[in-house]
Amino acid sequence: MQIIVYLPPYLKSSHADERGFVTIEEGATLKDLFELLGVPFPLGTVHLCRVNYEKAKLNRTLNERDMVSFFSLISGE
């Protein structure tokens, strides 16, 4: 299935295409996505992450076309 991920500048991943789409297996959780993307410190990062604009826990099951976004406490380039 495909989900869209808006990655922060400090997190680059070869698993996301140029539009931010990531292919992941059906039934994958947010934790699975973090592992795929190589997100450091998943327990701390989950507080800076939203799934479809809502807070989510690491065990949240992702669905086709979900949107996962991160926000950073530091802005700028």
N, C-alpha and C. Protein backbone atom coordinates (compact mmCIF):
# COMPACT_ATOMS: atom_id res chain seq x y z
N MET A 1 0.85 -1.17 0.00
CA MET A 1 0.00 0.00 0.00
C MET A 1 0.89 1.23 0.00
N GLN A 2 0.33 2.35 -0.37
CA GLN A 2 1.10 3.60 -0.39
C GLN A 2 0.52 4.59 0.61
N ILE A 3 1.43 5.25 1.31
CA ILE A 3 1.06 6.35 2.20
C ILE A 3 1.93 7.53 1.80
N ILE A 4 1.53 8.70 2.20
CA ILE A 4 2.35 9.88 1.92
C ILE A 4 2.98 10.34 3.23
N VAL A 5 4.26 10.65 3.14
CA VAL A 5 5.01 11.04 4.33
C VAL A 5 5.68 12.39 4.06
N TYR A 6 5.41 13.34 4.93
CA TYR A 6 6.07 14.64 4.86
C TYR A 6 7.21 14.62 5.86
N LEU A 7 8.41 14.39 5.34
CA LEU A 7 9.59 14.25 6.19
C LEU A 7 10.18 15.61 6.55
N PRO A 8 10.67 15.75 7.76
CA PRO A 8 11.37 16.99 8.12
C PRO A 8 12.73 17.02 7.44
N PRO A 9 13.32 18.19 7.32
CA PRO A 9 14.61 18.32 6.62
C PRO A 9 15.73 17.46 7.20
N TYR A 10 15.69 17.19 8.49
CA TYR A 10 16.77 16.41 9.11
C TYR A 10 16.64 14.91 8.87
N LEU A 11 15.54 14.48 8.27
CA LEU A 11 15.31 13.05 8.06
C LEU A 11 15.14 12.78 6.57
N LYS A 12 16.16 12.21 5.97
CA LYS A 12 16.13 11.86 4.55
C LYS A 12 15.94 10.35 4.45
N SER A 13 15.18 9.91 3.44
CA SER A 13 14.99 8.48 3.26
C SER A 13 14.89 8.14 1.79
N SER A 14 15.54 7.07 1.41
CA SER A 14 15.47 6.60 0.04
C SER A 14 14.17 5.83 -0.21
N HIS A 15 13.39 5.59 0.84
CA HIS A 15 12.13 4.86 0.70
C HIS A 15 10.99 5.76 0.25
N ALA A 16 11.17 7.06 0.35
CA ALA A 16 10.13 8.01 -0.09
C ALA A 16 10.49 8.52 -1.48
N ASP A 17 9.49 8.52 -2.38
CA ASP A 17 9.77 9.04 -3.72
C ASP A 17 9.77 10.57 -3.68
N GLU A 18 9.95 11.21 -4.84
CA GLU A 18 10.06 12.67 -4.90
C GLU A 18 8.79 13.39 -4.44
N ARG A 19 7.65 12.69 -4.45
CA ARG A 19 6.39 13.30 -3.99
C ARG A 19 6.09 12.94 -2.54
N GLY A 20 6.93 12.12 -1.93
CA GLY A 20 6.74 11.75 -0.53
C GLY A 20 5.99 10.44 -0.32
N PHE A 21 5.69 9.71 -1.40
CA PHE A 21 4.98 8.45 -1.24
C PHE A 21 5.93 7.34 -0.81
N VAL A 22 5.47 6.53 0.13
CA VAL A 22 6.23 5.40 0.64
C VAL A 22 5.36 4.16 0.46
N THR A 23 5.94 3.10 -0.06
CA THR A 23 5.23 1.83 -0.18
C THR A 23 5.59 0.97 1.02
N ILE A 24 4.55 0.48 1.70
CA ILE A 24 4.73 -0.33 2.90
C ILE A 24 3.68 -1.43 2.88
N GLU A 25 3.94 -2.52 3.57
CA GLU A 25 3.02 -3.66 3.52
C GLU A 25 1.71 -3.37 4.24
N GLU A 26 0.65 -4.04 3.79
CA GLU A 26 -0.66 -3.92 4.43
C GLU A 26 -0.54 -4.30 5.90
N GLY A 27 -1.24 -3.58 6.75
CA GLY A 27 -1.24 -3.88 8.17
C GLY A 27 -0.06 -3.31 8.93
N ALA A 28 0.80 -2.55 8.25
CA ALA A 28 1.98 -1.96 8.90
C ALA A 28 1.54 -0.91 9.92
N THR A 29 2.34 -0.77 10.95
CA THR A 29 2.07 0.21 11.99
C THR A 29 2.99 1.42 11.82
N LEU A 30 2.73 2.45 12.60
CA LEU A 30 3.59 3.62 12.59
C LEU A 30 5.01 3.22 12.99
N LYS A 31 5.14 2.29 13.92
CA LYS A 31 6.47 1.80 14.32
C LYS A 31 7.18 1.15 13.13
N ASP A 32 6.45 0.38 12.33
CA ASP A 32 7.04 -0.24 11.14
C ASP A 32 7.54 0.83 10.18
N LEU A 33 6.76 1.88 10.00
CA LEU A 33 7.16 2.97 9.12
C LEU A 33 8.42 3.64 9.66
N PHE A 34 8.47 3.91 10.96
CA PHE A 34 9.65 4.52 11.57
C PHE A 34 10.88 3.66 11.31
N GLU A 35 10.75 2.34 11.45
CA GLU A 35 11.88 1.44 11.22
C GLU A 35 12.31 1.49 9.76
N LEU A 36 11.34 1.49 8.85
CA LEU A 36 11.65 1.55 7.42
C LEU A 36 12.39 2.84 7.06
N LEU A 37 11.94 3.94 7.63
CA LEU A 37 12.54 5.25 7.33
C LEU A 37 13.82 5.51 8.12
N GLY A 38 14.09 4.70 9.12
CA GLY A 38 15.27 4.91 9.95
C GLY A 38 15.13 6.09 10.89
N VAL A 39 13.92 6.28 11.41
CA VAL A 39 13.67 7.39 12.33
C VAL A 39 14.40 7.13 13.64
N PRO A 40 15.28 8.06 14.04
CA PRO A 40 15.99 7.88 15.32
C PRO A 40 15.06 8.19 16.50
N PHE A 41 15.27 7.50 17.57
CA PHE A 41 14.52 7.74 18.81
C PHE A 41 13.00 7.73 18.59
N PRO A 42 12.44 6.60 18.13
CA PRO A 42 11.00 6.56 17.81
C PRO A 42 10.08 6.95 18.96
N LEU A 43 10.45 6.64 20.19
CA LEU A 43 9.56 7.00 21.30
C LEU A 43 9.48 8.50 21.49
N GLY A 44 10.58 9.20 21.27
CA GLY A 44 10.55 10.66 21.38
C GLY A 44 9.96 11.31 20.15
N THR A 45 10.24 10.74 18.99
CA THR A 45 9.78 11.32 17.73
C THR A 45 8.28 11.19 17.55
N VAL A 46 7.67 10.17 18.12
CA VAL A 46 6.23 9.96 17.93
C VAL A 46 5.44 11.16 18.43
N HIS A 47 5.96 11.92 19.39
CA HIS A 47 5.27 13.11 19.89
C HIS A 47 5.31 14.24 18.88
N LEU A 48 6.20 14.14 17.90
CA LEU A 48 6.31 15.16 16.86
C LEU A 48 5.71 14.68 15.54
N CYS A 49 4.90 13.66 15.61
CA CYS A 49 4.35 13.03 14.41
C CYS A 49 2.83 13.02 14.48
N ARG A 50 2.19 13.16 13.32
CA ARG A 50 0.73 13.09 13.22
C ARG A 50 0.37 12.17 12.06
N VAL A 51 -0.71 11.44 12.22
CA VAL A 51 -1.27 10.64 11.13
C VAL A 51 -2.62 11.25 10.81
N ASN A 52 -2.76 11.73 9.61
CA ASN A 52 -3.99 12.42 9.19
C ASN A 52 -4.36 13.54 10.18
N TYR A 53 -3.35 14.29 10.59
CA TYR A 53 -3.47 15.46 11.47
C TYR A 53 -3.85 15.11 12.91
N GLU A 54 -3.79 13.85 13.27
CA GLU A 54 -4.14 13.43 14.64
C GLU A 54 -2.94 12.80 15.32
N LYS A 55 -2.85 12.96 16.64
CA LYS A 55 -1.81 12.28 17.40
C LYS A 55 -1.98 10.78 17.20
N ALA A 56 -0.87 10.08 17.16
CA ALA A 56 -0.92 8.64 16.97
C ALA A 56 0.14 7.96 17.81
N LYS A 57 -0.15 6.74 18.22
CA LYS A 57 0.82 5.95 18.96
C LYS A 57 1.57 5.05 17.98
N LEU A 58 2.68 4.51 18.43
CA LEU A 58 3.51 3.67 17.57
C LEU A 58 2.78 2.42 17.07
N ASN A 59 1.76 1.96 17.80
CA ASN A 59 1.04 0.76 17.38
C ASN A 59 -0.14 1.06 16.45
N ARG A 60 -0.28 2.31 16.01
CA ARG A 60 -1.36 2.68 15.09
C ARG A 60 -1.17 1.97 13.75
N THR A 61 -2.19 1.28 13.29
CA THR A 61 -2.15 0.63 11.99
C THR A 61 -2.39 1.68 10.90
N LEU A 62 -1.54 1.66 9.90
CA LEU A 62 -1.65 2.60 8.79
C LEU A 62 -2.54 2.03 7.70
N ASN A 63 -3.21 2.91 6.97
CA ASN A 63 -4.09 2.52 5.88
C ASN A 63 -3.65 3.18 4.59
N GLU A 64 -4.09 2.62 3.48
CA GLU A 64 -3.81 3.18 2.15
C GLU A 64 -4.11 4.67 2.14
N ARG A 65 -3.17 5.45 1.62
CA ARG A 65 -3.29 6.91 1.44
C ARG A 65 -3.33 7.70 2.75
N ASP A 66 -2.95 7.09 3.87
CA ASP A 66 -2.79 7.88 5.10
C ASP A 66 -1.70 8.91 4.87
N MET A 67 -1.75 9.98 5.62
CA MET A 67 -0.74 11.02 5.54
C MET A 67 -0.03 11.09 6.89
N VAL A 68 1.28 10.93 6.86
CA VAL A 68 2.09 11.00 8.07
C VAL A 68 2.95 12.24 7.95
N SER A 69 2.86 13.11 8.96
CA SER A 69 3.66 14.33 8.93
C SER A 69 4.39 14.52 10.24
N PHE A 70 5.50 15.21 10.14
CA PHE A 70 6.33 15.51 11.29
C PHE A 70 6.44 17.01 11.42
N PHE A 71 6.59 17.49 12.61
CA PHE A 71 6.93 18.92 12.75
C PHE A 71 8.18 19.02 13.61
N SER A 72 8.91 20.04 13.34
CA SER A 72 10.19 20.21 13.99
C SER A 72 10.11 21.35 15.00
N LEU A 73 10.82 21.21 16.08
CA LEU A 73 10.89 22.27 17.07
C LEU A 73 11.82 23.38 16.60
N ILE A 74 12.61 23.07 15.57
CA ILE A 74 13.54 24.04 14.99
C ILE A 74 13.09 24.29 13.56
N SER A 75 12.94 25.55 13.20
CA SER A 75 12.54 25.86 11.82
C SER A 75 13.70 26.50 11.08
N GLY A 76 13.55 26.57 9.78
CA GLY A 76 14.59 27.18 8.96
C GLY A 76 15.37 26.14 8.21
N GLU A 77 16.31 26.59 7.42
CA GLU A 77 17.12 25.69 6.59
C GLU A 77 18.44 25.41 7.24
